[in-house]
Structures are given as structure tokens and as C-alpha cells.
Amino acid sequence: MTDKEKKIAKCSLCDEPRSEKYRPFCSKRCADLDLNRWLTGQYAIPVEEQEPDDFDKALGQSHLASSETNDPTKLN
């Protein structure tokens, strides 16, 4: 294998030699397939739900307290 053969970049979907016009893909078809995967949510970054920290808890409690005092249906 020559140095030139080693440097040919491949399409990220089908491993064909990529086209400069559609890079990093080899064709419009592969570019459209990749776009479709993004738009339909097939590519997603996994997220772990975090437990609220003390600051978030304090904000939630202060919001509850302020909404109770501003309730127009309750009489003082």
C-alpha cells in the first residue's frame, strides 16, 4: 500500500472514498442519510438526570413560599 492510498479519507457512513463536494461523505445520499439520523433523533447525547443540589432546593422552596403569599384567592 502506498502513502497516497493510506491518506484517502473514507465516508463516515459507507467507507467509500469521500467526495470533496459532500465531505465528510461520499455522496448526497450519505449526507442526506446522516441528516435524517440527526433530525429523527437517532443520534443523541445521553444525559444522566442529576439530583437537585441545595441551591436548586432552596430556589424551589422560595418559589413555593412566594406563590403562597401572592395568591389572590386567599384572604389574609
Protein backbone atom coordinates (compact mmCIF):
# COMPACT_ATOMS: atom_id res chain seq x y z
CA MET A 1 0.00 0.00 0.00
CA THR A 2 1.42 3.37 -0.98
CA ASP A 3 1.35 6.54 1.11
CA LYS A 4 -1.25 8.07 -1.22
CA GLU A 5 -3.66 5.15 -0.71
CA LYS A 6 -3.36 5.46 3.06
CA LYS A 7 -4.32 9.15 3.03
CA ILE A 8 -7.63 8.79 1.15
CA ALA A 9 -10.38 9.71 3.58
CA LYS A 10 -13.43 7.48 3.79
CA CYS A 11 -17.11 8.32 4.00
CA SER A 12 -18.22 8.18 7.63
CA LEU A 13 -21.28 6.07 6.72
CA CYS A 14 -20.29 3.62 4.00
CA ASP A 15 -16.44 3.71 3.91
CA GLU A 16 -16.32 4.67 0.22
CA PRO A 17 -13.74 7.34 -0.70
CA ARG A 18 -15.22 10.67 0.28
CA SER A 19 -16.09 13.43 -2.15
CA GLU A 20 -14.85 16.99 -1.63
CA LYS A 21 -18.29 18.25 -2.65
CA TYR A 22 -20.11 16.27 0.07
CA ARG A 23 -17.35 15.80 2.64
CA PRO A 24 -17.15 14.06 5.03
CA PHE A 25 -19.45 11.88 2.94
CA CYS A 26 -19.05 10.27 -0.47
CA SER A 27 -22.36 11.39 -1.96
CA LYS A 28 -25.53 13.39 -1.43
CA ARG A 29 -27.26 10.14 -0.46
CA CYS A 30 -24.93 9.53 2.50
CA ALA A 31 -25.15 13.19 3.53
CA ASP A 32 -28.95 13.00 3.46
CA LEU A 33 -28.96 9.75 5.43
CA ASP A 34 -26.82 11.37 8.12
CA LEU A 35 -29.05 14.45 8.24
CA ASN A 36 -32.11 12.21 8.57
CA ARG A 37 -30.50 10.42 11.52
CA TRP A 38 -29.93 13.75 13.28
CA LEU A 39 -33.44 15.02 12.56
CA THR A 40 -35.18 11.83 13.73
CA GLY A 41 -33.18 11.67 16.96
CA GLN A 42 -31.18 8.56 16.11
CA TYR A 43 -28.07 10.48 17.12
CA ALA A 44 -28.43 11.66 20.69
CA ILE A 45 -26.13 12.56 23.51
CA PRO A 46 -27.02 10.50 26.59
CA VAL A 47 -27.81 12.59 29.64
CA GLU A 48 -27.93 11.45 33.22
CA GLU A 49 -30.51 13.15 35.37
CA GLN A 50 -28.91 14.82 38.36
CA GLU A 51 -30.43 15.23 41.75
CA PRO A 52 -31.07 18.87 42.60
CA ASP A 53 -28.39 20.40 44.77
CA ASP A 54 -29.04 22.55 47.85
CA PHE A 55 -29.25 25.75 45.78
CA ASP A 56 -31.92 24.27 43.48
CA LYS A 57 -33.88 23.04 46.51
CA ALA A 58 -33.71 26.49 48.11
CA LEU A 59 -34.93 28.12 44.91
CA GLY A 60 -37.82 25.69 44.71
CA GLN A 61 -38.83 26.35 48.33
CA SER A 62 -38.61 30.12 47.96
CA HIS A 63 -40.74 29.94 44.82
CA LEU A 64 -43.39 27.96 46.70
CA ALA A 65 -43.37 30.42 49.58
CA SER A 66 -43.69 33.45 47.32
CA SER A 67 -46.51 31.89 45.30
CA GLU A 68 -48.46 31.21 48.52
CA THR A 69 -48.24 34.86 49.63
CA ASN A 70 -49.22 36.20 46.22
CA ASP A 71 -52.29 34.00 45.79
CA PRO A 72 -55.24 36.37 45.20
CA THR A 73 -57.79 33.70 46.11
CA LYS A 74 -56.58 33.51 49.69
CA LEU A 75 -57.53 36.15 52.21
CA ASN A 76 -55.05 37.37 54.79
